[in-house]
Full PDB file with SEQRES, HELIX, SHEET, SSBOND, CRYST1, ORIGX, SCALE, CONECT and MASTER records, all heavy atoms in Angstrom:
SEQRES   1 A   34  PRO GLU VAL SER ILE GLY THR LEU GLY GLY ILE ARG LYS          
SEQRES   2 A   34  GLU PRO TYR PRO GLU ILE GLY ASN VAL LEU ALA GLU LEU          
SEQRES   3 A   34  GLY ASN ILE TYR LYS ASN TYR ALA                              
HELIX    1 AA1 ASN A   21  LEU A   26  1                                   6    
HELIX    2 AA2 ILE A   29  LYS A   31  5                                   3    
CRYST1    1.000    1.000    1.000  90.00  90.00  90.00 P 1           1          
ORIGX1      1.000000  0.000000  0.000000        0.00000                         
ORIGX2      0.000000  1.000000  0.000000        0.00000                         
ORIGX3      0.000000  0.000000  1.000000        0.00000                         
SCALE1      1.000000  0.000000  0.000000        0.00000                         
SCALE2      0.000000  1.000000  0.000000        0.00000                         
SCALE3      0.000000  0.000000  1.000000        0.00000                         
ATOM      1  N   PRO A   1      65.896  -4.059   9.152  1.00  0.00           N  
ATOM      2  CA  PRO A   1      65.789  -4.377   7.722  1.00  0.00           C  
ATOM      3  C   PRO A   1      65.262  -3.208   6.892  1.00  0.00           C  
ATOM      4  O   PRO A   1      65.454  -3.197   5.670  1.00  0.00           O  
ATOM      5  CB  PRO A   1      64.795  -5.549   7.706  1.00  0.00           C  
ATOM      6  CG  PRO A   1      64.864  -6.136   9.067  1.00  0.00           C  
ATOM      7  CD  PRO A   1      65.136  -4.995   9.989  1.00  0.00           C  
ATOM      8  N   GLU A   2      64.607  -2.222   7.529  1.00  0.00           N  
ATOM      9  CA  GLU A   2      64.098  -1.072   6.791  1.00  0.00           C  
ATOM     10  C   GLU A   2      65.205  -0.124   6.353  1.00  0.00           C  
ATOM     11  O   GLU A   2      65.099   0.539   5.330  1.00  0.00           O  
ATOM     12  CB  GLU A   2      63.096  -0.297   7.654  1.00  0.00           C  
ATOM     13  CG  GLU A   2      61.783  -1.004   7.885  1.00  0.00           C  
ATOM     14  CD  GLU A   2      60.807  -0.151   8.645  1.00  0.00           C  
ATOM     15  OE1 GLU A   2      61.191   0.437   9.676  1.00  0.00           O  
ATOM     16  OE2 GLU A   2      59.643  -0.061   8.229  1.00  0.00           O  
ATOM     17  N   VAL A   3      66.268  -0.019   7.168  1.00  0.00           N  
ATOM     18  CA  VAL A   3      67.324   0.966   6.903  1.00  0.00           C  
ATOM     19  C   VAL A   3      68.651   0.291   6.562  1.00  0.00           C  
ATOM     20  O   VAL A   3      69.384   0.743   5.691  1.00  0.00           O  
ATOM     21  CB  VAL A   3      67.500   1.920   8.106  1.00  0.00           C  
ATOM     22  CG1 VAL A   3      68.481   3.030   7.766  1.00  0.00           C  
ATOM     23  CG2 VAL A   3      66.156   2.493   8.534  1.00  0.00           C  
ATOM     24  N   SER A   4      68.979  -0.771   7.272  1.00  0.00           N  
ATOM     25  CA  SER A   4      70.139  -1.625   6.958  1.00  0.00           C  
ATOM     26  C   SER A   4      71.484  -0.926   7.093  1.00  0.00           C  
ATOM     27  O   SER A   4      72.377  -1.103   6.263  1.00  0.00           O  
ATOM     28  CB  SER A   4      69.997  -2.210   5.539  1.00  0.00           C  
ATOM     29  OG  SER A   4      68.799  -2.935   5.426  1.00  0.00           O  
ATOM     30  N   ILE A   5      71.641  -0.127   8.145  1.00  0.00           N  
ATOM     31  CA  ILE A   5      72.944   0.465   8.462  1.00  0.00           C  
ATOM     32  C   ILE A   5      73.605  -0.393   9.533  1.00  0.00           C  
ATOM     33  O   ILE A   5      72.992  -0.688  10.562  1.00  0.00           O  
ATOM     34  CB  ILE A   5      72.802   1.917   8.956  1.00  0.00           C  
ATOM     35  CG1 ILE A   5      72.222   2.785   7.833  1.00  0.00           C  
ATOM     36  CG2 ILE A   5      74.145   2.465   9.426  1.00  0.00           C  
ATOM     37  CD1 ILE A   5      71.971   4.220   8.248  1.00  0.00           C  
ATOM     38  N   GLY A   6      74.823  -0.797   9.299  1.00  0.00           N  
ATOM     39  CA  GLY A   6      75.520  -1.670  10.241  1.00  0.00           C  
ATOM     40  C   GLY A   6      75.880  -0.965  11.535  1.00  0.00           C  
ATOM     41  O   GLY A   6      75.976   0.264  11.592  1.00  0.00           O  
ATOM     42  N   THR A   7      76.072  -1.747  12.601  1.00  0.00           N  
ATOM     43  CA  THR A   7      76.482  -1.193  13.893  1.00  0.00           C  
ATOM     44  C   THR A   7      78.002  -1.153  13.973  1.00  0.00           C  
ATOM     45  O   THR A   7      78.687  -2.084  13.546  1.00  0.00           O  
ATOM     46  CB  THR A   7      75.927  -2.038  15.050  1.00  0.00           C  
ATOM     47  OG1 THR A   7      76.294  -3.409  14.846  1.00  0.00           O  
ATOM     48  CG2 THR A   7      74.420  -1.932  15.125  1.00  0.00           C  
ATOM     49  N   LEU A   8      78.512  -0.083  14.529  1.00  0.00           N  
ATOM     50  CA  LEU A   8      79.954   0.101  14.700  1.00  0.00           C  
ATOM     51  C   LEU A   8      80.246   0.554  16.119  1.00  0.00           C  
ATOM     52  O   LEU A   8      79.345   0.992  16.838  1.00  0.00           O  
ATOM     53  CB  LEU A   8      80.488   1.146  13.716  1.00  0.00           C  
ATOM     54  CG  LEU A   8      80.333   0.844  12.214  1.00  0.00           C  
ATOM     55  CD1 LEU A   8      80.725   2.066  11.401  1.00  0.00           C  
ATOM     56  CD2 LEU A   8      81.190  -0.359  11.829  1.00  0.00           C  
ATOM     57  N   GLY A   9      81.492   0.474  16.533  1.00  0.00           N  
ATOM     58  CA  GLY A   9      81.876   0.979  17.836  1.00  0.00           C  
ATOM     59  C   GLY A   9      82.496  -0.102  18.696  1.00  0.00           C  
ATOM     60  O   GLY A   9      82.362  -1.302  18.433  1.00  0.00           O  
ATOM     61  N   GLY A  10      83.169   0.343  19.750  1.00  0.00           N  
ATOM     62  CA  GLY A  10      83.852  -0.595  20.633  1.00  0.00           C  
ATOM     63  C   GLY A  10      82.926  -1.165  21.684  1.00  0.00           C  
ATOM     64  O   GLY A  10      82.143  -0.441  22.283  1.00  0.00           O  
ATOM     65  N   ILE A  11      83.000  -2.479  21.913  1.00  0.00           N  
ATOM     66  CA  ILE A  11      82.227  -3.123  22.974  1.00  0.00           C  
ATOM     67  C   ILE A  11      83.172  -3.955  23.827  1.00  0.00           C  
ATOM     68  O   ILE A  11      84.294  -4.273  23.432  1.00  0.00           O  
ATOM     69  CB  ILE A  11      81.110  -4.017  22.406  1.00  0.00           C  
ATOM     70  CG1 ILE A  11      81.690  -5.136  21.540  1.00  0.00           C  
ATOM     71  CG2 ILE A  11      80.121  -3.183  21.589  1.00  0.00           C  
ATOM     72  CD1 ILE A  11      80.653  -6.135  21.057  1.00  0.00           C  
ATOM     73  N   ARG A  12      82.698  -4.285  25.032  1.00  0.00           N  
ATOM     74  CA  ARG A  12      83.470  -5.113  25.973  1.00  0.00           C  
ATOM     75  C   ARG A  12      84.851  -4.518  26.223  1.00  0.00           C  
ATOM     76  O   ARG A  12      85.874  -5.216  26.181  1.00  0.00           O  
ATOM     77  CB  ARG A  12      83.578  -6.544  25.448  1.00  0.00           C  
ATOM     78  CG  ARG A  12      82.234  -7.260  25.378  1.00  0.00           C  
ATOM     79  CD  ARG A  12      82.321  -8.587  24.653  1.00  0.00           C  
ATOM     80  NE  ARG A  12      81.068  -9.324  24.735  1.00  0.00           N  
ATOM     81  CZ  ARG A  12      80.781 -10.388  23.984  1.00  0.00           C  
ATOM     82  NH1 ARG A  12      81.651 -10.821  23.090  1.00  0.00           N  
ATOM     83  NH2 ARG A  12      79.631 -11.008  24.117  1.00  0.00           N  
ATOM     84  N   LYS A  13      84.858  -3.221  26.485  1.00  0.00           N  
ATOM     85  CA  LYS A  13      86.114  -2.508  26.735  1.00  0.00           C  
ATOM     86  C   LYS A  13      86.300  -2.289  28.234  1.00  0.00           C  
ATOM     87  O   LYS A  13      85.347  -2.004  28.961  1.00  0.00           O  
ATOM     88  CB  LYS A  13      86.090  -1.148  26.027  1.00  0.00           C  
ATOM     89  CG  LYS A  13      85.971  -1.221  24.504  1.00  0.00           C  
ATOM     90  CD  LYS A  13      87.268  -1.649  23.856  1.00  0.00           C  
ATOM     91  CE  LYS A  13      87.197  -1.541  22.343  1.00  0.00           C  
ATOM     92  NZ  LYS A  13      88.453  -1.946  21.699  1.00  0.00           N  
ATOM     93  N   GLU A  14      87.520  -2.416  28.689  1.00  0.00           N  
ATOM     94  CA  GLU A  14      87.826  -2.103  30.088  1.00  0.00           C  
ATOM     95  C   GLU A  14      87.621  -0.602  30.330  1.00  0.00           C  
ATOM     96  O   GLU A  14      87.823   0.196  29.405  1.00  0.00           O  
ATOM     97  CB  GLU A  14      89.278  -2.498  30.411  1.00  0.00           C  
ATOM     98  CG  GLU A  14      89.529  -3.994  30.369  1.00  0.00           C  
ATOM     99  CD  GLU A  14      88.786  -4.767  31.445  1.00  0.00           C  
ATOM    100  OE1 GLU A  14      88.278  -4.130  32.399  1.00  0.00           O  
ATOM    101  OE2 GLU A  14      88.691  -5.987  31.326  1.00  0.00           O  
ATOM    102  N   PRO A  15      87.198  -0.194  31.490  1.00  0.00           N  
ATOM    103  CA  PRO A  15      87.017  -1.008  32.709  1.00  0.00           C  
ATOM    104  C   PRO A  15      85.634  -1.631  32.830  1.00  0.00           C  
ATOM    105  O   PRO A  15      85.237  -2.048  33.918  1.00  0.00           O  
ATOM    106  CB  PRO A  15      87.247   0.025  33.822  1.00  0.00           C  
ATOM    107  CG  PRO A  15      86.690   1.285  33.254  1.00  0.00           C  
ATOM    108  CD  PRO A  15      87.006   1.245  31.783  1.00  0.00           C  
ATOM    109  N   TYR A  16      84.868  -1.719  31.713  1.00  0.00           N  
ATOM    110  CA  TYR A  16      83.521  -2.296  31.771  1.00  0.00           C  
ATOM    111  C   TYR A  16      83.412  -3.416  30.734  1.00  0.00           C  
ATOM    112  O   TYR A  16      82.820  -3.243  29.669  1.00  0.00           O  
ATOM    113  CB  TYR A  16      82.474  -1.222  31.507  1.00  0.00           C  
ATOM    114  CG  TYR A  16      82.588  -0.027  32.426  1.00  0.00           C  
ATOM    115  CD1 TYR A  16      83.066   1.200  31.947  1.00  0.00           C  
ATOM    116  CD2 TYR A  16      82.246  -0.129  33.766  1.00  0.00           C  
ATOM    117  CE1 TYR A  16      83.179   2.282  32.779  1.00  0.00           C  
ATOM    118  CE2 TYR A  16      82.354   0.966  34.618  1.00  0.00           C  
ATOM    119  CZ  TYR A  16      82.826   2.170  34.119  1.00  0.00           C  
ATOM    120  OH  TYR A  16      82.946   3.253  34.960  1.00  0.00           O  
ATOM    121  N   PRO A  17      83.991  -4.579  31.009  1.00  0.00           N  
ATOM    122  CA  PRO A  17      84.068  -5.652  30.005  1.00  0.00           C  
ATOM    123  C   PRO A  17      82.712  -6.251  29.634  1.00  0.00           C  
ATOM    124  O   PRO A  17      82.615  -6.965  28.633  1.00  0.00           O  
ATOM    125  CB  PRO A  17      84.968  -6.699  30.681  1.00  0.00           C  
ATOM    126  CG  PRO A  17      84.825  -6.439  32.147  1.00  0.00           C  
ATOM    127  CD  PRO A  17      84.655  -4.962  32.278  1.00  0.00           C  
ATOM    128  N   GLU A  18      81.666  -5.977  30.429  1.00  0.00           N  
ATOM    129  CA  GLU A  18      80.345  -6.534  30.110  1.00  0.00           C  
ATOM    130  C   GLU A  18      79.566  -5.650  29.147  1.00  0.00           C  
ATOM    131  O   GLU A  18      78.558  -6.091  28.584  1.00  0.00           O  
ATOM    132  CB  GLU A  18      79.531  -6.713  31.407  1.00  0.00           C  
ATOM    133  CG  GLU A  18      80.184  -7.618  32.430  1.00  0.00           C  
ATOM    134  CD  GLU A  18      80.377  -9.024  31.900  1.00  0.00           C  
ATOM    135  OE1 GLU A  18      79.448  -9.549  31.258  1.00  0.00           O  
ATOM    136  OE2 GLU A  18      81.464  -9.593  32.102  1.00  0.00           O  
ATOM    137  N   ILE A  19      80.008  -4.402  28.975  1.00  0.00           N  
ATOM    138  CA  ILE A  19      79.260  -3.495  28.105  1.00  0.00           C  
ATOM    139  C   ILE A  19      79.287  -4.005  26.656  1.00  0.00           C  
ATOM    140  O   ILE A  19      80.355  -4.304  26.114  1.00  0.00           O  
ATOM    141  CB  ILE A  19      79.834  -2.060  28.175  1.00  0.00           C  
ATOM    142  CG1 ILE A  19      79.393  -1.400  29.474  1.00  0.00           C  
ATOM    143  CG2 ILE A  19      79.366  -1.229  26.986  1.00  0.00           C  
ATOM    144  CD1 ILE A  19      79.813   0.029  29.605  1.00  0.00           C  
ATOM    145  N   GLY A  20      78.111  -4.094  26.060  1.00  0.00           N  
ATOM    146  CA  GLY A  20      78.018  -4.531  24.673  1.00  0.00           C  
ATOM    147  C   GLY A  20      77.690  -5.995  24.505  1.00  0.00           C  
ATOM    148  O   GLY A  20      77.605  -6.491  23.373  1.00  0.00           O  
ATOM    149  N   ASN A  21      77.469  -6.728  25.619  1.00  0.00           N  
ATOM    150  CA  ASN A  21      77.176  -8.163  25.505  1.00  0.00           C  
ATOM    151  C   ASN A  21      75.906  -8.420  24.699  1.00  0.00           C  
ATOM    152  O   ASN A  21      75.874  -9.304  23.839  1.00  0.00           O  
ATOM    153  CB  ASN A  21      77.034  -8.792  26.902  1.00  0.00           C  
ATOM    154  CG  ASN A  21      78.380  -9.127  27.517  1.00  0.00           C  
ATOM    155  OD1 ASN A  21      79.409  -9.044  26.842  1.00  0.00           O  
ATOM    156  ND2 ASN A  21      78.397  -9.493  28.787  1.00  0.00           N  
ATOM    157  N   VAL A  22      74.854  -7.662  24.983  1.00  0.00           N  
ATOM    158  CA  VAL A  22      73.579  -7.873  24.274  1.00  0.00           C  
ATOM    159  C   VAL A  22      73.740  -7.503  22.801  1.00  0.00           C  
ATOM    160  O   VAL A  22      73.260  -8.210  21.917  1.00  0.00           O  
ATOM    161  CB  VAL A  22      72.446  -7.056  24.927  1.00  0.00           C  
ATOM    162  CG1 VAL A  22      71.151  -7.208  24.123  1.00  0.00           C  
ATOM    163  CG2 VAL A  22      72.228  -7.508  26.370  1.00  0.00           C  
ATOM    164  N   LEU A  23      74.428  -6.407  22.544  1.00  0.00           N  
ATOM    165  CA  LEU A  23      74.640  -5.976  21.161  1.00  0.00           C  
ATOM    166  C   LEU A  23      75.440  -7.014  20.384  1.00  0.00           C  
ATOM    167  O   LEU A  23      75.141  -7.314  19.221  1.00  0.00           O  
ATOM    168  CB  LEU A  23      75.364  -4.622  21.136  1.00  0.00           C  
ATOM    169  CG  LEU A  23      75.582  -3.979  19.777  1.00  0.00           C  
ATOM    170  CD1 LEU A  23      74.248  -3.764  19.066  1.00  0.00           C  
ATOM    171  CD2 LEU A  23      76.321  -2.664  19.920  1.00  0.00           C  
ATOM    172  N   ALA A  24      76.438  -7.592  21.037  1.00  0.00           N  
ATOM    173  CA  ALA A  24      77.233  -8.632  20.376  1.00  0.00           C  
ATOM    174  C   ALA A  24      76.379  -9.852  20.073  1.00  0.00           C  
ATOM    175  O   ALA A  24      76.541 -10.505  19.032  1.00  0.00           O  
ATOM    176  CB  ALA A  24      78.416  -9.012  21.264  1.00  0.00           C  
ATOM    177  N   GLU A  25      75.447 -10.155  20.960  1.00  0.00           N  
ATOM    178  CA  GLU A  25      74.554 -11.297  20.758  1.00  0.00           C  
ATOM    179  C   GLU A  25      73.609 -11.057  19.571  1.00  0.00           C  
ATOM    180  O   GLU A  25      73.334 -11.964  18.785  1.00  0.00           O  
ATOM    181  CB  GLU A  25      73.743 -11.528  22.031  1.00  0.00           C  
ATOM    182  CG  GLU A  25      72.842 -12.733  21.985  1.00  0.00           C  
ATOM    183  CD  GLU A  25      72.069 -12.901  23.293  1.00  0.00           C  
ATOM    184  OE1 GLU A  25      72.421 -12.251  24.294  1.00  0.00           O  
ATOM    185  OE2 GLU A  25      71.090 -13.678  23.289  1.00  0.00           O  
ATOM    186  N   LEU A  26      73.128  -9.832  19.438  1.00  0.00           N  
ATOM    187  CA  LEU A  26      72.221  -9.494  18.341  1.00  0.00           C  
ATOM    188  C   LEU A  26      72.954  -9.460  16.997  1.00  0.00           C  
ATOM    189  O   LEU A  26      72.397  -9.825  15.966  1.00  0.00           O  
ATOM    190  CB  LEU A  26      71.560  -8.135  18.608  1.00  0.00           C  
ATOM    191  CG  LEU A  26      70.580  -8.051  19.773  1.00  0.00           C  
ATOM    192  CD1 LEU A  26      70.223  -6.593  20.065  1.00  0.00           C  
ATOM    193  CD2 LEU A  26      69.325  -8.856  19.477  1.00  0.00           C  
ATOM    194  N   GLY A  27      74.197  -8.994  17.015  1.00  0.00           N  
ATOM    195  CA  GLY A  27      74.955  -8.854  15.776  1.00  0.00           C  
ATOM    196  C   GLY A  27      74.362  -7.770  14.898  1.00  0.00           C  
ATOM    197  O   GLY A  27      73.741  -6.817  15.372  1.00  0.00           O  
ATOM    198  N   ASN A  28      74.570  -7.875  13.605  1.00  0.00           N  
ATOM    199  CA  ASN A  28      73.951  -6.949  12.662  1.00  0.00           C  
ATOM    200  C   ASN A  28      72.511  -7.393  12.441  1.00  0.00           C  
ATOM    201  O   ASN A  28      72.261  -8.401  11.763  1.00  0.00           O  
ATOM    202  CB  ASN A  28      74.714  -6.906  11.343  1.00  0.00           C  
ATOM    203  CG  ASN A  28      75.700  -5.748  11.299  1.00  0.00           C  
ATOM    204  OD1 ASN A  28      75.474  -4.724  11.933  1.00  0.00           O  
ATOM    205  ND2 ASN A  28      76.785  -5.928  10.569  1.00  0.00           N  
ATOM    206  N   ILE A  29      71.583  -6.651  13.005  1.00  0.00           N  
ATOM    207  CA  ILE A  29      70.180  -7.078  13.042  1.00  0.00           C  
ATOM    208  C   ILE A  29      69.610  -7.300  11.650  1.00  0.00           C  
ATOM    209  O   ILE A  29      68.928  -8.281  11.381  1.00  0.00           O  
ATOM    210  CB  ILE A  29      69.351  -6.040  13.824  1.00  0.00           C  
ATOM    211  CG1 ILE A  29      69.827  -6.002  15.287  1.00  0.00           C  
ATOM    212  CG2 ILE A  29      67.864  -6.336  13.753  1.00  0.00           C  
ATOM    213  CD1 ILE A  29      69.301  -4.834  16.086  1.00  0.00           C  
ATOM    214  N   TYR A  30      69.889  -6.380  10.729  1.00  0.00           N  
ATOM    215  CA  TYR A  30      69.267  -6.477   9.409  1.00  0.00           C  
ATOM    216  C   TYR A  30      69.739  -7.688   8.618  1.00  0.00           C  
ATOM    217  O   TYR A  30      69.060  -8.172   7.724  1.00  0.00           O  
ATOM    218  CB  TYR A  30      69.486  -5.191   8.613  1.00  0.00           C  
ATOM    219  CG  TYR A  30      70.872  -5.003   8.051  1.00  0.00           C  
ATOM    220  CD1 TYR A  30      71.212  -5.475   6.793  1.00  0.00           C  
ATOM    221  CD2 TYR A  30      71.849  -4.327   8.781  1.00  0.00           C  
ATOM    222  CE1 TYR A  30      72.486  -5.294   6.270  1.00  0.00           C  
ATOM    223  CE2 TYR A  30      73.122  -4.138   8.271  1.00  0.00           C  
ATOM    224  CZ  TYR A  30      73.435  -4.616   7.019  1.00  0.00           C  
ATOM    225  OH  TYR A  30      74.689  -4.437   6.509  1.00  0.00           O  
ATOM    226  N   LYS A  31      70.928  -8.202   8.952  1.00  0.00           N  
ATOM    227  CA  LYS A  31      71.447  -9.355   8.224  1.00  0.00           C  
ATOM    228  C   LYS A  31      70.832 -10.673   8.701  1.00  0.00           C  
ATOM    229  O   LYS A  31      70.819 -11.654   7.962  1.00  0.00           O  
ATOM    230  CB  LYS A  31      72.975  -9.421   8.352  1.00  0.00           C  
ATOM    231  CG  LYS A  31      73.702  -8.332   7.585  1.00  0.00           C  
ATOM    232  CD  LYS A  31      75.203  -8.518   7.665  1.00  0.00           C  
ATOM    233  CE  LYS A  31      75.932  -7.469   6.819  1.00  0.00           C  
ATOM    234  NZ  LYS A  31      77.409  -7.640   6.879  1.00  0.00           N  
ATOM    235  N   ASN A  32      70.366 -10.675   9.956  1.00  0.00           N  
ATOM    236  CA  ASN A  32      69.771 -11.900  10.505  1.00  0.00           C  
ATOM    237  C   ASN A  32      68.641 -11.512  11.443  1.00  0.00           C  
ATOM    238  O   ASN A  32      68.713 -11.710  12.655  1.00  0.00           O  
ATOM    239  CB  ASN A  32      70.836 -12.729  11.237  1.00  0.00           C  
ATOM    240  CG  ASN A  32      70.326 -14.114  11.600  1.00  0.00           C  
ATOM    241  OD1 ASN A  32      69.210 -14.493  11.257  1.00  0.00           O  
ATOM    242  ND2 ASN A  32      71.141 -14.867  12.326  1.00  0.00           N  
ATOM    243  N   TYR A  33      67.593 -10.957  10.851  1.00  0.00           N  
ATOM    244  CA  TYR A  33      66.494 -10.459  11.675  1.00  0.00           C  
ATOM    245  C   TYR A  33      65.781 -11.588  12.417  1.00  0.00           C  
ATOM    246  O   TYR A  33      65.246 -11.377  13.510  1.00  0.00           O  
ATOM    247  CB  TYR A  33      65.495  -9.686  10.809  1.00  0.00           C  
ATOM    248  CG  TYR A  33      64.488  -8.914  11.612  1.00  0.00           C  
ATOM    249  CD1 TYR A  33      64.872  -7.792  12.347  1.00  0.00           C  
ATOM    250  CD2 TYR A  33      63.157  -9.303  11.651  1.00  0.00           C  
ATOM    251  CE1 TYR A  33      63.960  -7.089  13.097  1.00  0.00           C  
ATOM    252  CE2 TYR A  33      62.229  -8.599  12.399  1.00  0.00           C  
ATOM    253  CZ  TYR A  33      62.631  -7.489  13.124  1.00  0.00           C  
ATOM    254  OH  TYR A  33      61.727  -6.787  13.873  1.00  0.00           O  
ATOM    255  N   ALA A  34      65.792 -12.781  11.846  1.00  0.00           N  
ATOM    256  CA  ALA A  34      65.140 -13.915  12.509  1.00  0.00           C  
ATOM    257  C   ALA A  34      65.758 -14.184  13.877  1.00  0.00           C  
ATOM    258  O   ALA A  34      65.049 -14.588  14.822  1.00  0.00           O  
ATOM    259  CB  ALA A  34      65.224 -15.151  11.627  1.00  0.00           C  
TER     260      ALA A  34                                                      
MASTER        0    0    0    2    0    0    0    6  259    1    0    3          
END                                                                             
């Protein structure tokens, strides 16, 4: 919430489909910090 820059980039890409699971769960942190 201090800086509010959105996250970008590819996640869950082969050959590592699990990469980015936690980031996807968090989403854009500053928009829903709760």
